[in-house]
Amino acid sequence: MKKYSHETVVGIFVVLGLAAVGYMTVKLGNVTLLGDNTYSLYAEFNTVSGLRVGNPIEIFGLEVGQVGSFRMDQENQFVVVDLKLNKGVEVYDDAIAAIKTAGLIGDKYIAIDPGGSDDVLKPGDTIMDTQSPIDLGDLISKYAFGDVEDKGETEGDEK
C-alpha cells in the first residue's frame, strides 16, 4: 500500500510541473489559446531597415502592440507593415507612425502619435502619415565627406 502512495505523490508533482511549464510557455511566448486580443492596422513605409516581426509598438512611451508582418508592394514601391495593436487602443485617422531606435544602437520600434481628430481608425485601416528610419551610416558618411551644411554660419559671418 505504501508503494502506491509514493507513486501517486510523484505523479501529482509531475502533472503540476507539466502544467507549470505549459503555463510559462503560453505566457512568455505570447501565445493566445482562446482568442486574439489584438487588431490590425497597416502603415506604409519607404524602408523598414532594422525593423523585425515582434518589435514593439509604442504610444506615449507605453507598449501597445507588436509588429505582425511585412508585405512588399512592388507596384507602389513601399513596404506595408501589419501593426498588431491591443484591443481598446484608439488611433485616429490623423495619426503618425514613425520607426525609431531605442538608444544609440538599440532595436527599432514603431512610435505612433495617435492623433486627435474625430475619426477613429477601424481594424484593417491604414495609417497614412509615416516616417521611415534615419540611416545612421548615411548620416555619418555625409558628415565625414562634407555633405552636411552647418546651419550655424551665415554668409555674412566672416572672421
N, C-alpha and C. Protein backbone atom coordinates (compact mmCIF):
# COMPACT_ATOMS: atom_id res chain seq x y z
N MET A 1 0.82 -1.20 0.00
CA MET A 1 0.00 0.00 0.00
C MET A 1 0.85 1.25 0.00
N LYS A 2 1.96 1.23 0.74
CA LYS A 2 2.83 2.38 0.83
C LYS A 2 3.48 2.69 -0.51
N LYS A 3 3.76 1.66 -1.31
CA LYS A 3 4.40 1.83 -2.62
C LYS A 3 3.51 2.66 -3.54
N TYR A 4 2.22 2.42 -3.52
CA TYR A 4 1.31 3.16 -4.38
C TYR A 4 1.16 4.61 -3.96
N SER A 5 1.26 4.93 -2.69
CA SER A 5 1.14 6.31 -2.24
C SER A 5 2.34 7.15 -2.70
N HIS A 6 3.54 6.56 -2.73
CA HIS A 6 4.71 7.28 -3.24
C HIS A 6 4.58 7.55 -4.73
N GLU A 7 4.09 6.56 -5.46
CA GLU A 7 3.89 6.75 -6.90
C GLU A 7 2.82 7.80 -7.18
N THR A 8 1.81 7.87 -6.37
CA THR A 8 0.76 8.87 -6.53
C THR A 8 1.30 10.28 -6.29
N VAL A 9 2.09 10.45 -5.24
CA VAL A 9 2.68 11.75 -4.93
C VAL A 9 3.60 12.19 -6.06
N VAL A 10 4.44 11.29 -6.56
CA VAL A 10 5.34 11.62 -7.66
C VAL A 10 4.54 11.98 -8.92
N GLY A 11 3.48 11.24 -9.19
CA GLY A 11 2.63 11.55 -10.34
C GLY A 11 1.98 12.92 -10.24
N ILE A 12 1.53 13.28 -9.04
CA ILE A 12 0.92 14.61 -8.85
C ILE A 12 1.95 15.70 -9.11
N PHE A 13 3.18 15.52 -8.60
CA PHE A 13 4.22 16.52 -8.83
C PHE A 13 4.59 16.63 -10.31
N VAL A 14 4.61 15.51 -11.00
CA VAL A 14 4.91 15.54 -12.44
C VAL A 14 3.82 16.30 -13.20
N VAL A 15 2.57 16.02 -12.87
CA VAL A 15 1.46 16.71 -13.54
C VAL A 15 1.50 18.21 -13.23
N LEU A 16 1.75 18.59 -11.98
CA LEU A 16 1.86 20.01 -11.62
C LEU A 16 3.04 20.68 -12.34
N GLY A 17 4.16 19.97 -12.45
CA GLY A 17 5.32 20.51 -13.16
C GLY A 17 5.03 20.73 -14.63
N LEU A 18 4.36 19.78 -15.28
CA LEU A 18 4.00 19.94 -16.69
C LEU A 18 3.00 21.09 -16.87
N ALA A 19 2.08 21.23 -15.95
CA ALA A 19 1.12 22.34 -16.04
C ALA A 19 1.85 23.68 -15.90
N ALA A 20 2.82 23.75 -14.99
CA ALA A 20 3.59 24.99 -14.81
C ALA A 20 4.41 25.31 -16.06
N VAL A 21 5.04 24.31 -16.66
CA VAL A 21 5.81 24.53 -17.89
C VAL A 21 4.89 24.98 -19.03
N GLY A 22 3.72 24.37 -19.15
CA GLY A 22 2.76 24.78 -20.17
C GLY A 22 2.30 26.22 -19.97
N TYR A 23 2.02 26.59 -18.74
CA TYR A 23 1.59 27.96 -18.43
C TYR A 23 2.68 28.96 -18.79
N MET A 24 3.91 28.68 -18.41
CA MET A 24 5.04 29.59 -18.70
C MET A 24 5.27 29.70 -20.20
N THR A 25 5.10 28.61 -20.92
CA THR A 25 5.27 28.64 -22.38
C THR A 25 4.25 29.57 -23.02
N VAL A 26 3.01 29.48 -22.58
CA VAL A 26 1.96 30.32 -23.13
C VAL A 26 2.18 31.78 -22.76
N LYS A 27 2.52 32.06 -21.51
CA LYS A 27 2.68 33.45 -21.06
C LYS A 27 3.92 34.11 -21.66
N LEU A 28 5.05 33.43 -21.63
CA LEU A 28 6.29 34.02 -22.12
C LEU A 28 6.36 34.04 -23.65
N GLY A 29 5.68 33.12 -24.29
CA GLY A 29 5.70 33.06 -25.75
C GLY A 29 4.63 33.91 -26.40
N ASN A 30 3.84 34.63 -25.61
CA ASN A 30 2.75 35.46 -26.11
C ASN A 30 1.82 34.67 -27.02
N VAL A 31 1.51 33.46 -26.62
CA VAL A 31 0.61 32.61 -27.37
C VAL A 31 -0.80 32.80 -26.82
N THR A 32 -1.76 32.95 -27.71
CA THR A 32 -3.14 33.07 -27.26
C THR A 32 -3.87 31.77 -27.60
N LEU A 33 -4.61 31.27 -26.65
CA LEU A 33 -5.29 29.99 -26.84
C LEU A 33 -6.76 30.17 -27.23
N LEU A 34 -7.44 31.11 -26.58
CA LEU A 34 -8.88 31.22 -26.77
C LEU A 34 -9.29 32.28 -27.78
N GLY A 35 -8.45 33.24 -28.03
CA GLY A 35 -8.80 34.29 -28.98
C GLY A 35 -7.72 35.35 -28.98
N ASP A 36 -7.71 36.13 -30.02
CA ASP A 36 -6.70 37.17 -30.15
C ASP A 36 -7.24 38.45 -29.54
N ASN A 37 -6.43 39.08 -28.69
CA ASN A 37 -6.86 40.32 -28.08
C ASN A 37 -6.22 41.53 -28.75
N THR A 38 -5.90 41.38 -30.06
CA THR A 38 -5.32 42.47 -30.82
C THR A 38 -6.14 42.69 -32.09
N TYR A 39 -5.89 43.85 -32.71
CA TYR A 39 -6.46 44.12 -34.03
C TYR A 39 -5.35 44.71 -34.90
N SER A 40 -5.54 44.66 -36.20
CA SER A 40 -4.50 45.10 -37.14
C SER A 40 -4.81 46.45 -37.73
N LEU A 41 -3.78 47.29 -37.76
CA LEU A 41 -3.74 48.49 -38.59
C LEU A 41 -2.54 48.32 -39.49
N TYR A 42 -2.51 49.06 -40.57
CA TYR A 42 -1.41 48.95 -41.51
C TYR A 42 -0.75 50.31 -41.68
N ALA A 43 0.55 50.30 -41.99
CA ALA A 43 1.30 51.52 -42.25
C ALA A 43 2.24 51.25 -43.42
N GLU A 44 2.42 52.25 -44.26
CA GLU A 44 3.26 52.11 -45.46
C GLU A 44 4.53 52.94 -45.28
N PHE A 45 5.69 52.25 -45.38
CA PHE A 45 6.99 52.90 -45.21
C PHE A 45 7.82 52.72 -46.46
N ASN A 46 8.73 53.70 -46.72
CA ASN A 46 9.67 53.59 -47.83
C ASN A 46 10.72 52.51 -47.54
N THR A 47 11.13 52.41 -46.28
CA THR A 47 12.09 51.40 -45.86
C THR A 47 11.78 51.00 -44.42
N VAL A 48 12.06 49.76 -44.09
CA VAL A 48 11.86 49.27 -42.73
C VAL A 48 13.17 48.70 -42.19
N SER A 49 14.27 49.31 -42.56
CA SER A 49 15.60 48.85 -42.21
C SER A 49 15.73 48.67 -40.69
N GLY A 50 16.08 47.46 -40.28
CA GLY A 50 16.28 47.14 -38.87
C GLY A 50 15.04 46.74 -38.11
N LEU A 51 13.87 46.92 -38.68
CA LEU A 51 12.63 46.54 -38.01
C LEU A 51 12.37 45.06 -38.22
N ARG A 52 11.90 44.37 -37.18
CA ARG A 52 11.66 42.94 -37.26
C ARG A 52 10.27 42.60 -36.73
N VAL A 53 9.76 41.46 -37.15
CA VAL A 53 8.49 40.97 -36.63
C VAL A 53 8.64 40.77 -35.12
N GLY A 54 7.69 41.27 -34.36
CA GLY A 54 7.73 41.15 -32.90
C GLY A 54 8.27 42.39 -32.21
N ASN A 55 8.85 43.34 -32.96
CA ASN A 55 9.31 44.57 -32.33
C ASN A 55 8.11 45.33 -31.75
N PRO A 56 8.34 46.09 -30.67
CA PRO A 56 7.22 46.75 -30.01
C PRO A 56 6.67 47.94 -30.78
N ILE A 57 5.41 48.25 -30.48
CA ILE A 57 4.75 49.47 -30.95
C ILE A 57 4.41 50.26 -29.70
N GLU A 58 4.78 51.55 -29.70
CA GLU A 58 4.57 52.38 -28.52
C GLU A 58 3.72 53.59 -28.85
N ILE A 59 2.87 53.95 -27.90
CA ILE A 59 2.13 55.21 -27.93
C ILE A 59 2.39 55.89 -26.60
N PHE A 60 2.87 57.11 -26.63
CA PHE A 60 3.21 57.88 -25.42
C PHE A 60 4.21 57.12 -24.54
N GLY A 61 5.08 56.32 -25.14
CA GLY A 61 6.09 55.58 -24.40
C GLY A 61 5.62 54.26 -23.81
N LEU A 62 4.35 53.92 -23.98
CA LEU A 62 3.82 52.66 -23.47
C LEU A 62 3.70 51.66 -24.61
N GLU A 63 4.08 50.42 -24.34
CA GLU A 63 3.97 49.38 -25.36
C GLU A 63 2.50 48.98 -25.51
N VAL A 64 1.98 49.13 -26.74
CA VAL A 64 0.57 48.86 -27.00
C VAL A 64 0.38 47.81 -28.09
N GLY A 65 1.45 47.16 -28.51
CA GLY A 65 1.33 46.16 -29.55
C GLY A 65 2.68 45.72 -30.07
N GLN A 66 2.63 44.95 -31.16
CA GLN A 66 3.84 44.42 -31.79
C GLN A 66 3.70 44.45 -33.30
N VAL A 67 4.85 44.47 -33.96
CA VAL A 67 4.87 44.38 -35.41
C VAL A 67 4.47 42.95 -35.79
N GLY A 68 3.45 42.82 -36.65
CA GLY A 68 2.94 41.50 -37.00
C GLY A 68 3.64 40.88 -38.20
N SER A 69 3.73 41.63 -39.30
CA SER A 69 4.33 41.08 -40.52
C SER A 69 4.66 42.22 -41.47
N PHE A 70 5.35 41.85 -42.56
CA PHE A 70 5.72 42.80 -43.62
C PHE A 70 5.22 42.27 -44.95
N ARG A 71 4.87 43.19 -45.82
CA ARG A 71 4.49 42.82 -47.18
C ARG A 71 5.01 43.91 -48.10
N MET A 72 5.69 43.51 -49.17
CA MET A 72 6.24 44.48 -50.11
C MET A 72 5.22 44.75 -51.22
N ASP A 73 4.94 46.03 -51.45
CA ASP A 73 4.07 46.44 -52.54
C ASP A 73 4.98 46.96 -53.66
N GLN A 74 5.31 46.08 -54.61
CA GLN A 74 6.26 46.46 -55.66
C GLN A 74 5.66 47.44 -56.64
N GLU A 75 4.37 47.43 -56.81
CA GLU A 75 3.73 48.34 -57.74
C GLU A 75 3.88 49.79 -57.29
N ASN A 76 3.64 50.04 -56.00
CA ASN A 76 3.74 51.40 -55.46
C ASN A 76 5.06 51.67 -54.77
N GLN A 77 5.93 50.69 -54.69
CA GLN A 77 7.28 50.78 -54.15
C GLN A 77 7.32 51.23 -52.69
N PHE A 78 6.68 50.47 -51.83
CA PHE A 78 6.79 50.67 -50.40
C PHE A 78 6.53 49.35 -49.68
N VAL A 79 6.77 49.35 -48.37
CA VAL A 79 6.57 48.17 -47.55
C VAL A 79 5.35 48.42 -46.67
N VAL A 80 4.43 47.46 -46.64
CA VAL A 80 3.26 47.55 -45.79
C VAL A 80 3.55 46.76 -44.52
N VAL A 81 3.43 47.42 -43.37
CA VAL A 81 3.69 46.80 -42.09
C VAL A 81 2.36 46.55 -41.39
N ASP A 82 2.17 45.32 -40.91
CA ASP A 82 0.98 44.96 -40.13
C ASP A 82 1.25 45.29 -38.67
N LEU A 83 0.51 46.23 -38.13
CA LEU A 83 0.66 46.66 -36.74
C LEU A 83 -0.41 45.97 -35.90
N LYS A 84 0.00 45.08 -35.02
CA LYS A 84 -0.92 44.37 -34.13
C LYS A 84 -1.05 45.17 -32.84
N LEU A 85 -2.17 45.89 -32.70
CA LEU A 85 -2.40 46.73 -31.53
C LEU A 85 -3.37 46.05 -30.57
N ASN A 86 -3.17 46.28 -29.27
CA ASN A 86 -4.06 45.72 -28.26
C ASN A 86 -5.45 46.32 -28.42
N LYS A 87 -6.46 45.49 -28.22
CA LYS A 87 -7.84 45.99 -28.29
C LYS A 87 -8.04 47.05 -27.21
N GLY A 88 -8.80 48.06 -27.55
CA GLY A 88 -9.04 49.16 -26.63
C GLY A 88 -8.14 50.36 -26.89
N VAL A 89 -7.09 50.19 -27.69
CA VAL A 89 -6.21 51.30 -28.05
C VAL A 89 -6.80 51.98 -29.27
N GLU A 90 -7.10 53.27 -29.14
CA GLU A 90 -7.70 54.01 -30.25
C GLU A 90 -6.65 54.83 -30.97
N VAL A 91 -6.64 54.73 -32.28
CA VAL A 91 -5.75 55.51 -33.14
C VAL A 91 -6.64 56.25 -34.12
N TYR A 92 -6.38 57.54 -34.29
CA TYR A 92 -7.23 58.37 -35.14
C TYR A 92 -6.66 58.49 -36.55
N ASP A 93 -7.47 58.97 -37.48
CA ASP A 93 -7.06 58.98 -38.89
C ASP A 93 -5.97 59.99 -39.20
N ASP A 94 -5.62 60.88 -38.27
CA ASP A 94 -4.50 61.81 -38.49
C ASP A 94 -3.25 61.37 -37.73
N ALA A 95 -3.18 60.09 -37.38
CA ALA A 95 -2.04 59.55 -36.64
C ALA A 95 -0.78 59.54 -37.49
N ILE A 96 0.37 59.53 -36.81
CA ILE A 96 1.68 59.45 -37.47
C ILE A 96 2.42 58.25 -36.89
N ALA A 97 2.89 57.36 -37.76
CA ALA A 97 3.69 56.20 -37.35
C ALA A 97 5.13 56.43 -37.79
N ALA A 98 6.07 56.31 -36.86
CA ALA A 98 7.48 56.52 -37.17
C ALA A 98 8.31 55.37 -36.63
N ILE A 99 9.31 54.96 -37.41
CA ILE A 99 10.24 53.92 -36.96
C ILE A 99 11.37 54.62 -36.22
N LYS A 100 11.54 54.26 -34.96
CA LYS A 100 12.54 54.90 -34.08
C LYS A 100 13.53 53.85 -33.61
N THR A 101 14.63 54.34 -33.01
CA THR A 101 15.65 53.47 -32.44
C THR A 101 15.66 53.64 -30.94
N ALA A 102 15.66 52.54 -30.20
CA ALA A 102 15.76 52.58 -28.75
C ALA A 102 17.23 52.71 -28.37
N GLY A 103 17.65 53.89 -27.97
CA GLY A 103 19.04 54.13 -27.63
C GLY A 103 19.87 54.40 -28.87
N LEU A 104 21.19 54.48 -28.68
CA LEU A 104 22.08 54.81 -29.79
C LEU A 104 22.20 53.69 -30.80
N ILE A 105 22.34 52.46 -30.34
CA ILE A 105 22.46 51.32 -31.25
C ILE A 105 21.44 50.24 -30.90
N GLY A 106 20.33 50.65 -30.34
CA GLY A 106 19.32 49.70 -29.88
C GLY A 106 18.42 49.18 -30.98
N ASP A 107 17.47 48.38 -30.58
CA ASP A 107 16.49 47.82 -31.51
C ASP A 107 15.54 48.89 -32.00
N LYS A 108 14.93 48.61 -33.11
CA LYS A 108 13.93 49.52 -33.68
C LYS A 108 12.57 49.24 -33.07
N TYR A 109 11.74 50.25 -33.05
CA TYR A 109 10.36 50.11 -32.64
C TYR A 109 9.54 51.12 -33.42
N ILE A 110 8.23 50.98 -33.38
CA ILE A 110 7.35 51.93 -34.05
C ILE A 110 6.68 52.79 -33.00
N ALA A 111 6.86 54.09 -33.13
CA ALA A 111 6.21 55.05 -32.24
C ALA A 111 5.03 55.65 -33.00
N ILE A 112 3.87 55.61 -32.38
CA ILE A 112 2.67 56.16 -33.00
C ILE A 112 2.21 57.37 -32.22
N ASP A 113 2.07 58.49 -32.91
CA ASP A 113 1.37 59.64 -32.35
C ASP A 113 -0.09 59.42 -32.75
N PRO A 114 -0.97 59.14 -31.79
CA PRO A 114 -2.31 58.67 -32.14
C PRO A 114 -3.21 59.70 -32.81
N GLY A 115 -2.81 60.96 -32.83
CA GLY A 115 -3.65 61.97 -33.46
C GLY A 115 -4.76 62.42 -32.54
N GLY A 116 -5.66 63.20 -33.07
CA GLY A 116 -6.73 63.71 -32.22
C GLY A 116 -7.97 64.12 -33.00
N SER A 117 -8.11 63.64 -34.21
CA SER A 117 -9.29 64.03 -34.99
C SER A 117 -10.52 63.30 -34.44
N ASP A 118 -11.62 63.49 -35.09
CA ASP A 118 -12.87 62.87 -34.65
C ASP A 118 -13.05 61.45 -35.16
N ASP A 119 -12.31 61.05 -36.19
CA ASP A 119 -12.49 59.75 -36.81
C ASP A 119 -11.46 58.74 -36.31
N VAL A 120 -11.93 57.66 -35.70
CA VAL A 120 -11.06 56.59 -35.21
C VAL A 120 -10.84 55.59 -36.33
N LEU A 121 -9.59 55.13 -36.49
CA LEU A 121 -9.30 54.10 -37.48
C LEU A 121 -9.90 52.77 -37.05
N LYS A 122 -10.48 52.07 -37.99
CA LYS A 122 -11.09 50.77 -37.73
C LYS A 122 -10.08 49.67 -38.05
N PRO A 123 -10.26 48.47 -37.49
CA PRO A 123 -9.36 47.36 -37.81
C PRO A 123 -9.25 47.17 -39.33
N GLY A 124 -8.01 47.08 -39.81
CA GLY A 124 -7.76 46.91 -41.24
C GLY A 124 -7.48 48.20 -41.97
N ASP A 125 -7.68 49.37 -41.30
CA ASP A 125 -7.39 50.66 -41.93
C ASP A 125 -5.89 50.90 -41.98
N THR A 126 -5.49 51.93 -42.73
CA THR A 126 -4.08 52.25 -42.92
C THR A 126 -3.75 53.62 -42.34
N ILE A 127 -2.64 53.70 -41.61
CA ILE A 127 -2.11 54.98 -41.15
C ILE A 127 -1.40 55.61 -42.33
N MET A 128 -1.85 56.78 -42.74
CA MET A 128 -1.34 57.40 -43.96
C MET A 128 -0.03 58.17 -43.75
N ASP A 129 0.16 58.77 -42.59
CA ASP A 129 1.35 59.56 -42.30
C ASP A 129 2.42 58.67 -41.65
N THR A 130 3.55 58.46 -42.32
CA THR A 130 4.62 57.62 -41.76
C THR A 130 5.97 58.30 -41.94
N GLN A 131 6.91 57.91 -41.08
CA GLN A 131 8.29 58.39 -41.16
C GLN A 131 9.21 57.18 -41.10
N SER A 132 10.01 57.01 -42.14
CA SER A 132 10.95 55.89 -42.20
C SER A 132 12.15 56.18 -41.30
N PRO A 133 12.93 55.15 -40.93
CA PRO A 133 14.06 55.36 -40.03
C PRO A 133 15.19 56.13 -40.70
N ILE A 134 15.94 56.84 -39.88
CA ILE A 134 17.13 57.55 -40.36
C ILE A 134 18.27 56.55 -40.42
N ASP A 135 18.97 56.51 -41.55
CA ASP A 135 20.11 55.60 -41.70
C ASP A 135 21.34 56.29 -41.12
N LEU A 136 21.78 55.81 -39.96
CA LEU A 136 22.90 56.42 -39.25
C LEU A 136 24.18 56.36 -40.06
N GLY A 137 24.39 55.29 -40.81
CA GLY A 137 25.59 55.17 -41.63
C GLY A 137 25.64 56.23 -42.71
N ASP A 138 24.52 56.49 -43.38
CA ASP A 138 24.46 57.54 -44.40
C ASP A 138 24.72 58.91 -43.78
N LEU A 139 24.16 59.15 -42.61
CA LEU A 139 24.34 60.44 -41.94
C LEU A 139 25.79 60.67 -41.56
N ILE A 140 26.46 59.64 -41.06
CA ILE A 140 27.88 59.76 -40.69
C ILE A 140 28.73 59.97 -41.92
N SER A 141 28.44 59.26 -43.02
CA SER A 141 29.25 59.44 -44.22
C SER A 141 29.05 60.83 -44.82
N LYS A 142 27.84 61.36 -44.75
CA LYS A 142 27.61 62.72 -45.24
C LYS A 142 28.40 63.73 -44.41
N TYR A 143 28.43 63.53 -43.11
CA TYR A 143 29.18 64.44 -42.25
C TYR A 143 30.67 64.32 -42.50
N ALA A 144 31.16 63.08 -42.65
CA ALA A 144 32.59 62.85 -42.85
C ALA A 144 33.08 63.41 -44.18
N PHE A 145 32.25 63.38 -45.22
CA PHE A 145 32.67 63.85 -46.53
C PHE A 145 32.16 65.24 -46.86
N GLY A 146 31.62 65.94 -45.88
CA GLY A 146 31.28 67.35 -46.05
C GLY A 146 29.97 67.65 -46.75
N ASP A 147 29.04 66.71 -46.80
CA ASP A 147 27.75 66.97 -47.45
C ASP A 147 26.74 67.61 -46.52
N VAL A 148 27.03 67.66 -45.23
CA VAL A 148 26.10 68.24 -44.26
C VAL A 148 26.41 69.72 -44.12
N GLU A 149 25.39 70.57 -44.23
CA GLU A 149 25.58 72.02 -44.12
C GLU A 149 25.59 72.41 -42.66
N ASP A 150 26.45 73.37 -42.31
CA ASP A 150 26.49 73.91 -40.97
C ASP A 150 25.52 75.09 -40.93
N LYS A 151 24.43 74.95 -40.21
CA LYS A 151 23.41 75.98 -40.19
C LYS A 151 23.74 77.10 -39.22
N GLY A 152 24.82 76.96 -38.46
CA GLY A 152 25.20 77.98 -37.50
C GLY A 152 25.90 79.16 -38.16
N GLU A 153 26.48 78.98 -39.32
CA GLU A 153 27.19 80.05 -40.01
C GLU A 153 26.31 80.63 -41.10
N THR A 154 26.44 81.93 -41.31
CA THR A 154 25.74 82.59 -42.42
C THR A 154 26.79 83.21 -43.33
N GLU A 155 26.39 83.66 -44.48
CA GLU A 155 27.34 84.20 -45.45
C GLU A 155 28.03 85.45 -44.94
N GLY A 156 27.38 86.25 -44.12
CA GLY A 156 27.97 87.48 -43.64
C GLY A 156 28.89 87.31 -42.45
N ASP A 157 28.96 86.13 -41.89
CA ASP A 157 29.79 85.89 -40.70
C ASP A 157 31.17 85.43 -41.13
N GLU A 158 32.06 86.35 -41.39
CA GLU A 158 33.44 86.01 -41.72
C GLU A 158 34.33 86.58 -40.65
N LYS A 159 35.31 85.79 -40.22
CA LYS A 159 36.18 86.27 -39.14
C LYS A 159 37.55 86.52 -39.64
